[in-house]
Amino acid sequence: MATESDVRSMCLALPGVTERSSWDQPAWFAKTLMARMWEDGVLTVKTTEREALAGTEPDTYFWTPHHERSPQLVLVRLARIGTEELGELLEESYRLAGGRGSAPAEGR
């Protein structure tokens, strides 16, 4: 089970990530928003796999009508994922948010 404290430490360990409030919730930014607490125990992240994640694990991954216009955003119930999976999600979200030091494109 992952926690908000895990999210904070993992986000701030990434190069150039800063924390500030967004919609009165803790949020982490690379060049753009990479993660934000949506509500207690629920995290918003960016992913290219939103449909697949929600389709295979709807009790863990979901979105609300608020997120319809942003197809890369998915909500994650932290109590339903481990820290390894959380780390993978945050690394992808970091890359999508334009984070520095992100992995080079394949073939380089």
N, C-alpha and C. Protein backbone atom coordinates (compact mmCIF):
# COMPACT_ATOMS: atom_id res chain seq x y z
N MET A 1 0.84 -1.18 0.00
CA MET A 1 0.00 0.00 0.00
C MET A 1 0.89 1.25 0.00
N ALA A 2 0.65 2.11 -0.95
CA ALA A 2 1.40 3.37 -1.06
C ALA A 2 0.68 4.46 -0.27
N THR A 3 1.45 5.48 0.12
CA THR A 3 0.89 6.58 0.91
C THR A 3 1.25 7.92 0.26
N GLU A 4 0.63 8.98 0.75
CA GLU A 4 0.97 10.32 0.28
C GLU A 4 2.43 10.63 0.60
N SER A 5 2.92 10.16 1.70
CA SER A 5 4.32 10.35 2.05
C SER A 5 5.25 9.69 1.03
N ASP A 6 4.87 8.50 0.56
CA ASP A 6 5.64 7.82 -0.51
C ASP A 6 5.63 8.67 -1.77
N VAL A 7 4.46 9.19 -2.13
CA VAL A 7 4.34 10.03 -3.33
C VAL A 7 5.29 11.22 -3.20
N ARG A 8 5.23 11.90 -2.09
CA ARG A 8 6.05 13.10 -1.88
C ARG A 8 7.54 12.76 -2.02
N SER A 9 7.99 11.73 -1.34
CA SER A 9 9.43 11.43 -1.38
C SER A 9 9.86 10.97 -2.77
N MET A 10 9.04 10.20 -3.46
CA MET A 10 9.39 9.75 -4.81
C MET A 10 9.42 10.92 -5.80
N CYS A 11 8.43 11.79 -5.71
CA CYS A 11 8.39 12.95 -6.62
C CYS A 11 9.59 13.86 -6.40
N LEU A 12 9.86 14.18 -5.14
CA LEU A 12 10.93 15.13 -4.85
C LEU A 12 12.32 14.55 -5.10
N ALA A 13 12.41 13.23 -5.27
CA ALA A 13 13.69 12.60 -5.61
C ALA A 13 14.02 12.75 -7.10
N LEU A 14 13.03 13.12 -7.90
CA LEU A 14 13.25 13.30 -9.35
C LEU A 14 13.86 14.67 -9.62
N PRO A 15 14.80 14.76 -10.57
CA PRO A 15 15.49 16.03 -10.84
C PRO A 15 14.52 17.16 -11.22
N GLY A 16 14.63 18.27 -10.51
CA GLY A 16 13.88 19.47 -10.86
C GLY A 16 12.44 19.51 -10.40
N VAL A 17 11.95 18.48 -9.73
CA VAL A 17 10.56 18.47 -9.29
C VAL A 17 10.39 19.37 -8.06
N THR A 18 9.33 20.17 -8.09
CA THR A 18 8.99 21.03 -6.97
C THR A 18 7.59 20.69 -6.48
N GLU A 19 7.34 21.03 -5.23
CA GLU A 19 6.01 20.81 -4.66
C GLU A 19 5.37 22.16 -4.37
N ARG A 20 4.10 22.28 -4.71
CA ARG A 20 3.31 23.44 -4.34
C ARG A 20 1.84 23.04 -4.36
N SER A 21 1.02 23.91 -3.88
CA SER A 21 -0.40 23.61 -3.78
C SER A 21 -1.10 23.82 -5.13
N SER A 22 -2.04 22.94 -5.43
CA SER A 22 -2.90 23.08 -6.60
C SER A 22 -4.30 22.66 -6.18
N TRP A 23 -5.25 23.56 -6.32
CA TRP A 23 -6.62 23.30 -5.88
C TRP A 23 -6.62 22.88 -4.40
N ASP A 24 -5.79 23.56 -3.61
CA ASP A 24 -5.69 23.31 -2.17
C ASP A 24 -5.23 21.89 -1.82
N GLN A 25 -4.52 21.26 -2.72
CA GLN A 25 -3.97 19.92 -2.49
C GLN A 25 -2.48 19.94 -2.82
N PRO A 26 -1.67 19.07 -2.19
CA PRO A 26 -0.26 18.99 -2.56
C PRO A 26 -0.13 18.52 -4.01
N ALA A 27 0.78 19.16 -4.73
CA ALA A 27 1.01 18.82 -6.14
C ALA A 27 2.50 18.91 -6.43
N TRP A 28 2.92 18.15 -7.43
CA TRP A 28 4.34 18.09 -7.80
C TRP A 28 4.46 18.40 -9.28
N PHE A 29 5.44 19.24 -9.59
CA PHE A 29 5.61 19.76 -10.94
C PHE A 29 7.01 19.46 -11.46
N ALA A 30 7.08 19.02 -12.72
CA ALA A 30 8.33 19.00 -13.47
C ALA A 30 8.25 20.30 -14.28
N LYS A 31 8.17 20.22 -15.62
CA LYS A 31 7.87 21.45 -16.38
C LYS A 31 6.40 21.81 -16.22
N THR A 32 5.57 20.78 -16.16
CA THR A 32 4.13 20.95 -15.92
C THR A 32 3.73 20.02 -14.77
N LEU A 33 2.47 20.04 -14.43
CA LEU A 33 1.97 19.18 -13.36
C LEU A 33 2.25 17.72 -13.68
N MET A 34 2.86 17.01 -12.72
CA MET A 34 3.09 15.58 -12.90
C MET A 34 2.24 14.73 -11.97
N ALA A 35 1.86 15.27 -10.82
CA ALA A 35 1.05 14.52 -9.86
C ALA A 35 0.39 15.49 -8.89
N ARG A 36 -0.81 15.12 -8.45
CA ARG A 36 -1.51 15.94 -7.46
C ARG A 36 -2.42 15.04 -6.66
N MET A 37 -2.48 15.30 -5.38
CA MET A 37 -3.45 14.60 -4.55
C MET A 37 -4.83 15.12 -4.96
N TRP A 38 -5.72 14.22 -5.33
CA TRP A 38 -7.07 14.59 -5.74
C TRP A 38 -7.96 14.74 -4.52
N GLU A 39 -7.82 13.77 -3.63
CA GLU A 39 -8.50 13.78 -2.34
C GLU A 39 -7.70 12.83 -1.46
N ASP A 40 -8.07 12.71 -0.22
CA ASP A 40 -7.32 11.87 0.69
C ASP A 40 -7.22 10.44 0.14
N GLY A 41 -5.99 9.97 -0.09
CA GLY A 41 -5.77 8.61 -0.56
C GLY A 41 -5.91 8.40 -2.06
N VAL A 42 -6.16 9.47 -2.81
CA VAL A 42 -6.33 9.36 -4.26
C VAL A 42 -5.39 10.35 -4.94
N LEU A 43 -4.58 9.84 -5.87
CA LEU A 43 -3.57 10.62 -6.57
C LEU A 43 -3.92 10.76 -8.04
N THR A 44 -3.67 11.93 -8.62
CA THR A 44 -3.79 12.14 -10.06
C THR A 44 -2.39 12.07 -10.66
N VAL A 45 -2.23 11.27 -11.73
CA VAL A 45 -0.96 11.21 -12.46
C VAL A 45 -1.26 11.23 -13.96
N LYS A 46 -0.19 11.44 -14.74
CA LYS A 46 -0.30 11.38 -16.20
C LYS A 46 0.18 10.02 -16.67
N THR A 47 -0.51 9.46 -17.66
CA THR A 47 -0.12 8.18 -18.24
C THR A 47 -0.65 8.09 -19.66
N THR A 48 0.02 7.31 -20.48
CA THR A 48 -0.50 7.03 -21.82
C THR A 48 -1.36 5.77 -21.80
N GLU A 49 -1.50 5.16 -20.63
CA GLU A 49 -2.21 3.88 -20.49
C GLU A 49 -3.52 3.99 -19.69
N ARG A 50 -4.12 5.15 -19.66
CA ARG A 50 -5.30 5.35 -18.82
C ARG A 50 -6.40 4.32 -19.09
N GLU A 51 -6.77 4.15 -20.33
CA GLU A 51 -7.85 3.23 -20.69
C GLU A 51 -7.52 1.80 -20.26
N ALA A 52 -6.29 1.38 -20.53
CA ALA A 52 -5.88 0.01 -20.19
C ALA A 52 -5.86 -0.20 -18.67
N LEU A 53 -5.32 0.76 -17.94
CA LEU A 53 -5.26 0.63 -16.48
C LEU A 53 -6.66 0.56 -15.88
N ALA A 54 -7.51 1.48 -16.26
CA ALA A 54 -8.87 1.50 -15.72
C ALA A 54 -9.67 0.29 -16.18
N GLY A 55 -9.38 -0.19 -17.39
CA GLY A 55 -10.09 -1.36 -17.90
C GLY A 55 -9.73 -2.65 -17.19
N THR A 56 -8.47 -2.77 -16.78
CA THR A 56 -8.03 -4.00 -16.13
C THR A 56 -8.12 -3.94 -14.61
N GLU A 57 -8.01 -2.74 -14.03
CA GLU A 57 -8.05 -2.58 -12.57
C GLU A 57 -8.92 -1.38 -12.18
N PRO A 58 -10.23 -1.46 -12.44
CA PRO A 58 -11.10 -0.30 -12.17
C PRO A 58 -11.24 0.05 -10.70
N ASP A 59 -10.92 -0.86 -9.79
CA ASP A 59 -10.97 -0.53 -8.37
C ASP A 59 -9.76 0.29 -7.94
N THR A 60 -8.72 0.29 -8.78
CA THR A 60 -7.49 1.04 -8.49
C THR A 60 -7.40 2.31 -9.32
N TYR A 61 -7.70 2.21 -10.61
CA TYR A 61 -7.54 3.32 -11.55
C TYR A 61 -8.90 3.74 -12.09
N PHE A 62 -9.13 5.04 -12.12
CA PHE A 62 -10.42 5.56 -12.61
C PHE A 62 -10.24 7.04 -12.94
N TRP A 63 -11.29 7.65 -13.44
CA TRP A 63 -11.31 9.10 -13.62
C TRP A 63 -12.74 9.58 -13.48
N THR A 64 -12.87 10.88 -13.32
CA THR A 64 -14.18 11.50 -13.14
C THR A 64 -14.50 12.33 -14.39
N PRO A 65 -15.71 12.83 -14.50
CA PRO A 65 -16.04 13.70 -15.64
C PRO A 65 -15.09 14.89 -15.74
N HIS A 66 -14.56 15.36 -14.62
CA HIS A 66 -13.60 16.47 -14.61
C HIS A 66 -12.36 16.15 -15.48
N HIS A 67 -12.01 14.89 -15.58
CA HIS A 67 -10.80 14.46 -16.30
C HIS A 67 -11.05 14.08 -17.75
N GLU A 68 -12.28 14.12 -18.21
CA GLU A 68 -12.61 13.71 -19.58
C GLU A 68 -11.81 14.45 -20.65
N ARG A 69 -11.58 15.75 -20.44
CA ARG A 69 -10.87 16.55 -21.45
C ARG A 69 -9.36 16.34 -21.42
N SER A 70 -8.87 15.61 -20.45
CA SER A 70 -7.44 15.39 -20.29
C SER A 70 -7.17 13.88 -20.32
N PRO A 71 -7.05 13.30 -21.51
CA PRO A 71 -6.97 11.84 -21.64
C PRO A 71 -5.72 11.21 -21.04
N GLN A 72 -4.74 12.00 -20.62
CA GLN A 72 -3.56 11.42 -19.98
C GLN A 72 -3.70 11.35 -18.46
N LEU A 73 -4.73 11.96 -17.89
CA LEU A 73 -4.87 11.96 -16.43
C LEU A 73 -5.69 10.77 -15.95
N VAL A 74 -5.18 10.13 -14.90
CA VAL A 74 -5.89 9.02 -14.27
C VAL A 74 -5.77 9.19 -12.76
N LEU A 75 -6.80 8.77 -12.07
CA LEU A 75 -6.80 8.79 -10.61
C LEU A 75 -6.40 7.40 -10.11
N VAL A 76 -5.63 7.39 -9.03
CA VAL A 76 -5.10 6.14 -8.48
C VAL A 76 -5.44 6.06 -7.00
N ARG A 77 -6.07 4.98 -6.59
CA ARG A 77 -6.32 4.74 -5.17
C ARG A 77 -5.03 4.18 -4.56
N LEU A 78 -4.36 4.99 -3.75
CA LEU A 78 -3.05 4.61 -3.22
C LEU A 78 -3.10 3.34 -2.37
N ALA A 79 -4.19 3.10 -1.69
CA ALA A 79 -4.30 1.91 -0.84
C ALA A 79 -4.28 0.62 -1.65
N ARG A 80 -4.45 0.73 -2.96
CA ARG A 80 -4.55 -0.46 -3.80
C ARG A 80 -3.31 -0.74 -4.64
N ILE A 81 -2.24 0.08 -4.47
CA ILE A 81 -1.02 -0.18 -5.22
C ILE A 81 0.19 -0.20 -4.28
N GLY A 82 1.23 -0.87 -4.71
CA GLY A 82 2.47 -0.91 -3.95
C GLY A 82 3.39 0.22 -4.37
N THR A 83 4.46 0.37 -3.63
CA THR A 83 5.38 1.46 -3.92
C THR A 83 6.14 1.26 -5.23
N GLU A 84 6.40 0.02 -5.61
CA GLU A 84 7.09 -0.22 -6.89
C GLU A 84 6.23 0.26 -8.06
N GLU A 85 4.96 -0.10 -8.05
CA GLU A 85 4.04 0.34 -9.10
C GLU A 85 3.88 1.86 -9.07
N LEU A 86 3.79 2.42 -7.87
CA LEU A 86 3.70 3.88 -7.74
C LEU A 86 4.91 4.54 -8.37
N GLY A 87 6.10 4.02 -8.10
CA GLY A 87 7.31 4.58 -8.69
C GLY A 87 7.29 4.57 -10.20
N GLU A 88 6.81 3.48 -10.78
CA GLU A 88 6.71 3.39 -12.24
C GLU A 88 5.73 4.43 -12.78
N LEU A 89 4.60 4.57 -12.12
CA LEU A 89 3.61 5.58 -12.55
C LEU A 89 4.19 6.99 -12.48
N LEU A 90 4.87 7.28 -11.39
CA LEU A 90 5.43 8.63 -11.23
C LEU A 90 6.55 8.90 -12.22
N GLU A 91 7.35 7.90 -12.56
CA GLU A 91 8.40 8.10 -13.57
C GLU A 91 7.79 8.40 -14.93
N GLU A 92 6.72 7.67 -15.31
CA GLU A 92 6.06 7.96 -16.58
C GLU A 92 5.44 9.35 -16.55
N SER A 93 4.78 9.69 -15.47
CA SER A 93 4.15 10.99 -15.35
C SER A 93 5.20 12.11 -15.42
N TYR A 94 6.33 11.89 -14.80
CA TYR A 94 7.45 12.84 -14.83
C TYR A 94 7.90 13.08 -16.28
N ARG A 95 8.07 12.00 -17.03
CA ARG A 95 8.47 12.14 -18.45
C ARG A 95 7.41 12.91 -19.24
N LEU A 96 6.14 12.57 -19.03
CA LEU A 96 5.06 13.24 -19.76
C LEU A 96 4.93 14.70 -19.37
N ALA A 97 5.35 15.03 -18.16
CA ALA A 97 5.30 16.42 -17.69
C ALA A 97 6.56 17.19 -18.06
N GLY A 98 7.43 16.58 -18.87
CA GLY A 98 8.61 17.27 -19.37
C GLY A 98 9.78 17.32 -18.40
N GLY A 99 9.84 16.35 -17.51
CA GLY A 99 10.90 16.32 -16.52
C GLY A 99 12.30 16.25 -17.11
N ARG A 100 13.23 16.91 -16.45
CA ARG A 100 14.64 16.88 -16.87
C ARG A 100 15.20 15.50 -16.58
N GLY A 101 16.18 15.12 -17.37
CA GLY A 101 16.87 13.86 -17.12
C GLY A 101 16.01 12.65 -17.40
N SER A 102 14.89 12.84 -18.11
CA SER A 102 14.06 11.68 -18.43
C SER A 102 14.80 10.82 -19.45
N ALA A 103 14.40 9.58 -19.51
CA ALA A 103 15.09 8.62 -20.36
C ALA A 103 15.11 9.09 -21.81
N PRO A 104 16.22 8.89 -22.51
CA PRO A 104 16.29 9.27 -23.93
C PRO A 104 15.39 8.39 -24.77
N ALA A 105 15.06 8.89 -25.93
CA ALA A 105 14.21 8.13 -26.85
C ALA A 105 14.94 6.85 -27.26
N GLU A 106 14.18 5.81 -27.54
CA GLU A 106 14.78 4.55 -27.95
C GLU A 106 15.61 4.74 -29.20
N GLY A 107 16.70 4.01 -29.27
CA GLY A 107 17.54 4.08 -30.44
C GLY A 107 18.67 5.10 -30.31
N ARG A 108 18.73 5.81 -29.19
CA ARG A 108 19.81 6.79 -28.99
C ARG A 108 20.90 6.19 -28.16
